[in-house]
Amino acid sequence: MKKLIAVLSVAAIMTACNDEKKADTTTPTPDSTSAITNAADSASKMVSNATDSASKMVNNAADSASKMVNKAVDTASKMIKK
């Protein structure tokens, strides 16, 4: 999952910065600066959303595993009582 997040963030940044025009001046224009900032914000939001989703999936898996263990313990204790 970490690799996926890293690949997506790099791809988002590369896509946002993929401007083949060459500027005559070295100072960025306000429009390009805001575009870069927006792309960075978008990439940050994507990584944050992916991290939140991964966290929820791990929590759900842990809850499911815990419930399964509890059921197994209950079943085992019932079998022992019989």
PDB file of N, CA and C in Angstrom:
ATOM      1  N   MET A   1       0.825  -1.182   0.000  1.00  0.00           N
ATOM      2  CA  MET A   1       0.000   0.000   0.000  1.00  0.00           C
ATOM      3  C   MET A   1       0.872   1.249   0.000  1.00  0.00           C
ATOM      4  N   LYS A   2       1.999   1.172   0.717  1.00  0.00           N
ATOM      5  CA  LYS A   2       2.903   2.320   0.757  1.00  0.00           C
ATOM      6  C   LYS A   2       3.455   2.610  -0.627  1.00  0.00           C
ATOM      7  N   LYS A   3       3.749   1.537  -1.372  1.00  0.00           N
ATOM      8  CA  LYS A   3       4.277   1.737  -2.720  1.00  0.00           C
ATOM      9  C   LYS A   3       3.229   2.380  -3.618  1.00  0.00           C
ATOM     10  N   LEU A   4       1.974   1.976  -3.457  1.00  0.00           N
ATOM     11  CA  LEU A   4       0.901   2.541  -4.259  1.00  0.00           C
ATOM     12  C   LEU A   4       0.753   4.032  -3.982  1.00  0.00           C
ATOM     13  N   ILE A   5       0.800   4.413  -2.722  1.00  0.00           N
ATOM     14  CA  ILE A   5       0.678   5.819  -2.358  1.00  0.00           C
ATOM     15  C   ILE A   5       1.841   6.613  -2.941  1.00  0.00           C
ATOM     16  N   ALA A   6       3.044   6.065  -2.852  1.00  0.00           N
ATOM     17  CA  ALA A   6       4.209   6.755  -3.385  1.00  0.00           C
ATOM     18  C   ALA A   6       4.113   6.909  -4.902  1.00  0.00           C
ATOM     19  N   VAL A   7       3.695   5.858  -5.583  1.00  0.00           N
ATOM     20  CA  VAL A   7       3.570   5.914  -7.041  1.00  0.00           C
ATOM     21  C   VAL A   7       2.503   6.925  -7.451  1.00  0.00           C
ATOM     22  N   LEU A   8       1.366   6.925  -6.755  1.00  0.00           N
ATOM     23  CA  LEU A   8       0.307   7.873  -7.086  1.00  0.00           C
ATOM     24  C   LEU A   8       0.732   9.311  -6.844  1.00  0.00           C
ATOM     25  N   SER A   9       1.441   9.563  -5.768  1.00  0.00           N
ATOM     26  CA  SER A   9       1.866  10.933  -5.493  1.00  0.00           C
ATOM     27  C   SER A   9       2.895  11.401  -6.513  1.00  0.00           C
ATOM     28  N   VAL A  10       3.826  10.532  -6.880  1.00  0.00           N
ATOM     29  CA  VAL A  10       4.813  10.904  -7.890  1.00  0.00           C
ATOM     30  C   VAL A  10       4.136  11.121  -9.242  1.00  0.00           C
ATOM     31  N   ALA A  11       3.191  10.263  -9.583  1.00  0.00           N
ATOM     32  CA  ALA A  11       2.481  10.412 -10.851  1.00  0.00           C
ATOM     33  C   ALA A  11       1.674  11.706 -10.879  1.00  0.00           C
ATOM     34  N   ALA A  12       1.045  12.059  -9.771  1.00  0.00           N
ATOM     35  CA  ALA A  12       0.265  13.294  -9.713  1.00  0.00           C
ATOM     36  C   ALA A  12       1.160  14.517  -9.883  1.00  0.00           C
ATOM     37  N   ILE A  13       2.304  14.494  -9.230  1.00  0.00           N
ATOM     38  CA  ILE A  13       3.230  15.624  -9.345  1.00  0.00           C
ATOM     39  C   ILE A  13       3.794  15.709 -10.757  1.00  0.00           C
ATOM     40  N   MET A  14       4.146  14.570 -11.330  1.00  0.00           N
ATOM     41  CA  MET A  14       4.693  14.579 -12.690  1.00  0.00           C
ATOM     42  C   MET A  14       3.644  15.031 -13.695  1.00  0.00           C
ATOM     43  N   THR A  15       2.411  14.631 -13.515  1.00  0.00           N
ATOM     44  CA  THR A  15       1.343  15.053 -14.408  1.00  0.00           C
ATOM     45  C   THR A  15       1.107  16.544 -14.286  1.00  0.00           C
ATOM     46  N   ALA A  16       1.123  17.049 -13.077  1.00  0.00           N
ATOM     47  CA  ALA A  16       0.891  18.473 -12.863  1.00  0.00           C
ATOM     48  C   ALA A  16       2.036  19.321 -13.405  1.00  0.00           C
ATOM     49  N   CYS A  17       3.231  18.789 -13.359  1.00  0.00           N
ATOM     50  CA  CYS A  17       4.403  19.556 -13.800  1.00  0.00           C
ATOM     51  C   CYS A  17       4.792  19.258 -15.239  1.00  0.00           C
ATOM     52  N   ASN A  18       4.004  18.527 -15.971  1.00  0.00           N
ATOM     53  CA  ASN A  18       4.332  18.143 -17.333  1.00  0.00           C
ATOM     54  C   ASN A  18       3.958  19.257 -18.295  1.00  0.00           C
ATOM     55  N   ASP A  19       4.749  20.332 -18.297  1.00  0.00           N
ATOM     56  CA  ASP A  19       4.527  21.473 -19.175  1.00  0.00           C
ATOM     57  C   ASP A  19       5.717  21.543 -20.125  1.00  0.00           C
ATOM     58  N   GLU A  20       5.477  21.271 -21.412  1.00  0.00           N
ATOM     59  CA  GLU A  20       6.569  21.213 -22.376  1.00  0.00           C
ATOM     60  C   GLU A  20       7.011  22.583 -22.873  1.00  0.00           C
ATOM     61  N   LYS A  21       6.251  23.640 -22.590  1.00  0.00           N
ATOM     62  CA  LYS A  21       6.648  24.982 -22.987  1.00  0.00           C
ATOM     63  C   LYS A  21       7.828  25.421 -22.141  1.00  0.00           C
ATOM     64  N   LYS A  22       8.763  26.096 -22.775  1.00  0.00           N
ATOM     65  CA  LYS A  22       9.919  26.607 -22.048  1.00  0.00           C
ATOM     66  C   LYS A  22       9.714  28.098 -21.824  1.00  0.00           C
ATOM     67  N   ALA A  23       9.874  28.535 -20.603  1.00  0.00           N
ATOM     68  CA  ALA A  23       9.687  29.939 -20.268  1.00  0.00           C
ATOM     69  C   ALA A  23      10.925  30.735 -20.647  1.00  0.00           C
ATOM     70  N   ASP A  24      10.717  31.974 -21.093  1.00  0.00           N
ATOM     71  CA  ASP A  24      11.831  32.847 -21.445  1.00  0.00           C
ATOM     72  C   ASP A  24      12.494  33.421 -20.199  1.00  0.00           C
ATOM     73  N   THR A  25      11.730  33.572 -19.146  1.00  0.00           N
ATOM     74  CA  THR A  25      12.280  34.106 -17.906  1.00  0.00           C
ATOM     75  C   THR A  25      12.411  32.988 -16.887  1.00  0.00           C
ATOM     76  N   THR A  26      13.222  33.244 -15.892  1.00  0.00           N
ATOM     77  CA  THR A  26      13.421  32.220 -14.871  1.00  0.00           C
ATOM     78  C   THR A  26      12.443  32.372 -13.717  1.00  0.00           C
ATOM     79  N   THR A  27      11.762  33.512 -13.607  1.00  0.00           N
ATOM     80  CA  THR A  27      10.805  33.684 -12.521  1.00  0.00           C
ATOM     81  C   THR A  27       9.456  33.129 -12.945  1.00  0.00           C
ATOM     82  N   PRO A  28       8.837  32.355 -12.104  1.00  0.00           N
ATOM     83  CA  PRO A  28       7.532  31.795 -12.456  1.00  0.00           C
ATOM     84  C   PRO A  28       6.447  32.863 -12.411  1.00  0.00           C
ATOM     85  N   THR A  29       5.488  32.718 -13.285  1.00  0.00           N
ATOM     86  CA  THR A  29       4.362  33.644 -13.287  1.00  0.00           C
ATOM     87  C   THR A  29       3.414  33.263 -12.160  1.00  0.00           C
ATOM     88  N   PRO A  30       2.600  34.196 -11.710  1.00  0.00           N
ATOM     89  CA  PRO A  30       1.671  33.866 -10.622  1.00  0.00           C
ATOM     90  C   PRO A  30       0.728  32.721 -10.981  1.00  0.00           C
ATOM     91  N   ASP A  31       0.336  32.626 -12.264  1.00  0.00           N
ATOM     92  CA  ASP A  31      -0.559  31.548 -12.670  1.00  0.00           C
ATOM     93  C   ASP A  31       0.108  30.187 -12.521  1.00  0.00           C
ATOM     94  N   SER A  32       1.371  30.084 -12.954  1.00  0.00           N
ATOM     95  CA  SER A  32       2.049  28.791 -12.859  1.00  0.00           C
ATOM     96  C   SER A  32       2.348  28.433 -11.411  1.00  0.00           C
ATOM     97  N   THR A  33       2.625  29.427 -10.599  1.00  0.00           N
ATOM     98  CA  THR A  33       2.871  29.176  -9.177  1.00  0.00           C
ATOM     99  C   THR A  33       1.604  28.636  -8.512  1.00  0.00           C
ATOM    100  N   SER A  34       0.461  29.224  -8.842  1.00  0.00           N
ATOM    101  CA  SER A  34      -0.772  28.734  -8.238  1.00  0.00           C
ATOM    102  C   SER A  34      -1.128  27.351  -8.774  1.00  0.00           C
ATOM    103  N   ALA A  35      -0.795  27.080 -10.036  1.00  0.00           N
ATOM    104  CA  ALA A  35      -1.061  25.753 -10.597  1.00  0.00           C
ATOM    105  C   ALA A  35      -0.214  24.699  -9.890  1.00  0.00           C
ATOM    106  N   ILE A  36       1.030  25.036  -9.622  1.00  0.00           N
ATOM    107  CA  ILE A  36       1.915  24.107  -8.918  1.00  0.00           C
ATOM    108  C   ILE A  36       1.411  23.894  -7.490  1.00  0.00           C
ATOM    109  N   THR A  37       0.982  24.971  -6.862  1.00  0.00           N
ATOM    110  CA  THR A  37       0.445  24.862  -5.507  1.00  0.00           C
ATOM    111  C   THR A  37      -0.820  24.017  -5.495  1.00  0.00           C
ATOM    112  N   ASN A  38      -1.692  24.228  -6.483  1.00  0.00           N
ATOM    113  CA  ASN A  38      -2.921  23.436  -6.567  1.00  0.00           C
ATOM    114  C   ASN A  38      -2.613  21.961  -6.803  1.00  0.00           C
ATOM    115  N   ALA A  39      -1.620  21.684  -7.655  1.00  0.00           N
ATOM    116  CA  ALA A  39      -1.241  20.299  -7.922  1.00  0.00           C
ATOM    117  C   ALA A  39      -0.681  19.644  -6.666  1.00  0.00           C
ATOM    118  N   ALA A  40       0.128  20.390  -5.933  1.00  0.00           N
ATOM    119  CA  ALA A  40       0.682  19.853  -4.692  1.00  0.00           C
ATOM    120  C   ALA A  40      -0.430  19.593  -3.677  1.00  0.00           C
ATOM    121  N   ASP A  41      -1.401  20.510  -3.609  1.00  0.00           N
ATOM    122  CA  ASP A  41      -2.534  20.310  -2.699  1.00  0.00           C
ATOM    123  C   ASP A  41      -3.344  19.090  -3.113  1.00  0.00           C
ATOM    124  N   SER A  42      -3.557  18.926  -4.418  1.00  0.00           N
ATOM    125  CA  SER A  42      -4.311  17.769  -4.902  1.00  0.00           C
ATOM    126  C   SER A  42      -3.585  16.473  -4.574  1.00  0.00           C
ATOM    127  N   ALA A  43      -2.283  16.464  -4.787  1.00  0.00           N
ATOM    128  CA  ALA A  43      -1.501  15.269  -4.475  1.00  0.00           C
ATOM    129  C   ALA A  43      -1.548  14.975  -2.982  1.00  0.00           C
ATOM    130  N   SER A  44      -1.468  16.020  -2.188  1.00  0.00           N
ATOM    131  CA  SER A  44      -1.529  15.847  -0.737  1.00  0.00           C
ATOM    132  C   SER A  44      -2.874  15.281  -0.317  1.00  0.00           C
ATOM    133  N   LYS A  45      -3.955  15.781  -0.921  1.00  0.00           N
ATOM    134  CA  LYS A  45      -5.294  15.281  -0.590  1.00  0.00           C
ATOM    135  C   LYS A  45      -5.440  13.825  -1.018  1.00  0.00           C
ATOM    136  N   MET A  46      -4.877  13.472  -2.187  1.00  0.00           N
ATOM    137  CA  MET A  46      -4.957  12.093  -2.656  1.00  0.00           C
ATOM    138  C   MET A  46      -4.233  11.158  -1.697  1.00  0.00           C
ATOM    139  N   VAL A  47      -3.061  11.563  -1.261  1.00  0.00           N
ATOM    140  CA  VAL A  47      -2.293  10.733  -0.328  1.00  0.00           C
ATOM    141  C   VAL A  47      -3.036  10.619   0.995  1.00  0.00           C
ATOM    142  N   SER A  48      -3.611  11.729   1.451  1.00  0.00           N
ATOM    143  CA  SER A  48      -4.359  11.714   2.710  1.00  0.00           C
ATOM    144  C   SER A  48      -5.577  10.794   2.609  1.00  0.00           C
ATOM    145  N   ASN A  49      -6.295  10.881   1.496  1.00  0.00           N
ATOM    146  CA  ASN A  49      -7.466  10.013   1.304  1.00  0.00           C
ATOM    147  C   ASN A  49      -7.062   8.548   1.236  1.00  0.00           C
ATOM    148  N   ALA A  50      -5.974   8.256   0.532  1.00  0.00           N
ATOM    149  CA  ALA A  50      -5.508   6.876   0.426  1.00  0.00           C
ATOM    150  C   ALA A  50      -5.076   6.349   1.797  1.00  0.00           C
ATOM    151  N   THR A  51      -4.416   7.202   2.568  1.00  0.00           N
ATOM    152  CA  THR A  51      -3.988   6.799   3.907  1.00  0.00           C
ATOM    153  C   THR A  51      -5.192   6.541   4.804  1.00  0.00           C
ATOM    154  N   ASP A  52      -6.200   7.417   4.715  1.00  0.00           N
ATOM    155  CA  ASP A  52      -7.408   7.214   5.517  1.00  0.00           C
ATOM    156  C   ASP A  52      -8.108   5.913   5.130  1.00  0.00           C
ATOM    157  N   SER A  53      -8.199   5.653   3.835  1.00  0.00           N
ATOM    158  CA  SER A  53      -8.847   4.423   3.368  1.00  0.00           C
ATOM    159  C   SER A  53      -8.084   3.190   3.846  1.00  0.00           C
ATOM    160  N   ALA A  54      -6.771   3.252   3.749  1.00  0.00           N
ATOM    161  CA  ALA A  54      -5.956   2.122   4.200  1.00  0.00           C
ATOM    162  C   ALA A  54      -6.123   1.909   5.698  1.00  0.00           C
ATOM    163  N   SER A  55      -6.165   2.994   6.442  1.00  0.00           N
ATOM    164  CA  SER A  55      -6.337   2.895   7.893  1.00  0.00           C
ATOM    165  C   SER A  55      -7.679   2.257   8.234  1.00  0.00           C
ATOM    166  N   LYS A  56      -8.727   2.661   7.532  1.00  0.00           N
ATOM    167  CA  LYS A  56     -10.051   2.085   7.784  1.00  0.00           C
ATOM    168  C   LYS A  56     -10.069   0.603   7.428  1.00  0.00           C
ATOM    169  N   MET A  57      -9.407   0.231   6.332  1.00  0.00           N
ATOM    170  CA  MET A  57      -9.370  -1.175   5.933  1.00  0.00           C
ATOM    171  C   MET A  57      -8.650  -2.013   6.983  1.00  0.00           C
ATOM    172  N   VAL A  58      -7.550  -1.504   7.509  1.00  0.00           N
ATOM    173  CA  VAL A  58      -6.794  -2.235   8.533  1.00  0.00           C
ATOM    174  C   VAL A  58      -7.634  -2.373   9.800  1.00  0.00           C
ATOM    175  N   ASN A  59      -8.316  -1.295  10.176  1.00  0.00           N
ATOM    176  CA  ASN A  59      -9.168  -1.363  11.373  1.00  0.00           C
ATOM    177  C   ASN A  59     -10.293  -2.369  11.189  1.00  0.00           C
ATOM    178  N   ASN A  60     -10.911  -2.384  10.007  1.00  0.00           N
ATOM    179  CA  ASN A  60     -11.983  -3.346   9.735  1.00  0.00           C
ATOM    180  C   ASN A  60     -11.465  -4.779   9.782  1.00  0.00           C
ATOM    181  N   ALA A  61     -10.279  -5.005   9.216  1.00  0.00           N
ATOM    182  CA  ALA A  61      -9.696  -6.340   9.233  1.00  0.00           C
ATOM    183  C   ALA A  61      -9.383  -6.770  10.662  1.00  0.00           C
ATOM    184  N   ALA A  62      -8.877  -5.846  11.459  1.00  0.00           N
ATOM    185  CA  ALA A  62      -8.567  -6.168  12.857  1.00  0.00           C
ATOM    186  C   ALA A  62      -9.848  -6.493  13.630  1.00  0.00           C
ATOM    187  N   ASP A  63     -10.908  -5.718  13.378  1.00  0.00           N
ATOM    188  CA  ASP A  63     -12.185  -6.000  14.045  1.00  0.00           C
ATOM    189  C   ASP A  63     -12.727  -7.368  13.644  1.00  0.00           C
ATOM    190  N   SER A  64     -12.655  -7.681  12.354  1.00  0.00           N
ATOM    191  CA  SER A  64     -13.140  -8.972  11.878  1.00  0.00           C
ATOM    192  C   SER A  64     -12.347 -10.117  12.496  1.00  0.00           C
ATOM    193  N   ALA A  65     -11.035  -9.951  12.551  1.00  0.00           N
ATOM    194  CA  ALA A  65     -10.186 -10.988  13.133  1.00  0.00           C
ATOM    195  C   ALA A  65     -10.504 -11.167  14.623  1.00  0.00           C
ATOM    196  N   SER A  66     -10.720 -10.068  15.299  1.00  0.00           N
ATOM    197  CA  SER A  66     -11.055 -10.133  16.726  1.00  0.00           C
ATOM    198  C   SER A  66     -12.375 -10.856  16.942  1.00  0.00           C
ATOM    199  N   LYS A  67     -13.362 -10.555  16.110  1.00  0.00           N
ATOM    200  CA  LYS A  67     -14.661 -11.227  16.235  1.00  0.00           C
ATOM    201  C   LYS A  67     -14.532 -12.722  15.965  1.00  0.00           C
ATOM    202  N   MET A  68     -13.731 -13.091  14.970  1.00  0.00           N
ATOM    203  CA  MET A  68     -13.547 -14.503  14.648  1.00  0.00           C
ATOM    204  C   MET A  68     -12.876 -15.241  15.799  1.00  0.00           C
ATOM    205  N   VAL A  69     -11.894 -14.607  16.417  1.00  0.00           N
ATOM    206  CA  VAL A  69     -11.206 -15.230  17.552  1.00  0.00           C
ATOM    207  C   VAL A  69     -12.176 -15.399  18.719  1.00  0.00           C
ATOM    208  N   ASN A  70     -12.985 -14.377  18.961  1.00  0.00           N
ATOM    209  CA  ASN A  70     -13.968 -14.476  20.052  1.00  0.00           C
ATOM    210  C   ASN A  70     -14.972 -15.599  19.796  1.00  0.00           C
ATOM    211  N   LYS A  71     -15.420 -15.740  18.554  1.00  0.00           N
ATOM    212  CA  LYS A  71     -16.347 -16.819  18.223  1.00  0.00           C
ATOM    213  C   LYS A  71     -15.693 -18.184  18.421  1.00  0.00           C
ATOM    214  N   ALA A  72     -14.436 -18.298  18.025  1.00  0.00           N
ATOM    215  CA  ALA A  72     -13.732 -19.565  18.183  1.00  0.00           C
ATOM    216  C   ALA A  72     -13.572 -19.909  19.655  1.00  0.00           C
ATOM    217  N   VAL A  73     -13.264 -18.909  20.470  1.00  0.00           N
ATOM    218  CA  VAL A  73     -13.119 -19.140  21.911  1.00  0.00           C
ATOM    219  C   VAL A  73     -14.455 -19.556  22.510  1.00  0.00           C
ATOM    220  N   ASP A  74     -15.530 -18.892  22.114  1.00  0.00           N
ATOM    221  CA  ASP A  74     -16.858 -19.253  22.622  1.00  0.00           C
ATOM    222  C   ASP A  74     -17.233 -20.678  22.222  1.00  0.00           C
ATOM    223  N   THR A  75     -16.996 -21.022  20.977  1.00  0.00           N
ATOM    224  CA  THR A  75     -17.309 -22.368  20.497  1.00  0.00           C
ATOM    225  C   THR A  75     -16.489 -23.408  21.244  1.00  0.00           C
ATOM    226  N   ALA A  76     -15.215 -23.124  21.443  1.00  0.00           N
ATOM    227  CA  ALA A  76     -14.346 -24.061  22.150  1.00  0.00           C
ATOM    228  C   ALA A  76     -14.812 -24.241  23.595  1.00  0.00           C
ATOM    229  N   SER A  77     -15.206 -23.136  24.234  1.00  0.00           N
ATOM    230  CA  SER A  77     -15.650 -23.264  25.638  1.00  0.00           C
ATOM    231  C   SER A  77     -16.971 -24.035  25.718  1.00  0.00           C
ATOM    232  N   LYS A  78     -17.852 -23.871  24.730  1.00  0.00           N
ATOM    233  CA  LYS A  78     -19.108 -24.626  24.708  1.00  0.00           C
ATOM    234  C   LYS A  78     -18.819 -26.114  24.508  1.00  0.00           C
ATOM    235  N   MET A  79     -17.872 -26.445  23.650  1.00  0.00           N
ATOM    236  CA  MET A  79     -17.529 -27.845  23.389  1.00  0.00           C
ATOM    237  C   MET A  79     -16.924 -28.479  24.638  1.00  0.00           C
ATOM    238  N   ILE A  80     -16.125 -27.727  25.373  1.00  0.00           N
ATOM    239  CA  ILE A  80     -15.518 -28.256  26.584  1.00  0.00           C
ATOM    240  C   ILE A  80     -16.565 -28.511  27.651  1.00  0.00           C
ATOM    241  N   LYS A  81     -17.567 -27.632  27.740  1.00  0.00           N
ATOM    242  CA  LYS A  81     -18.628 -27.786  28.725  1.00  0.00           C
ATOM    243  C   LYS A  81     -19.467 -29.014  28.447  1.00  0.00           C
ATOM    244  N   LYS A  82     -19.639 -29.372  27.171  1.00  0.00           N
ATOM    245  CA  LYS A  82     -20.431 -30.537  26.809  1.00  0.00           C
ATOM    246  C   LYS A  82     -19.651 -31.766  27.165  1.00  0.00           C
TER     247      LYS A  82
END
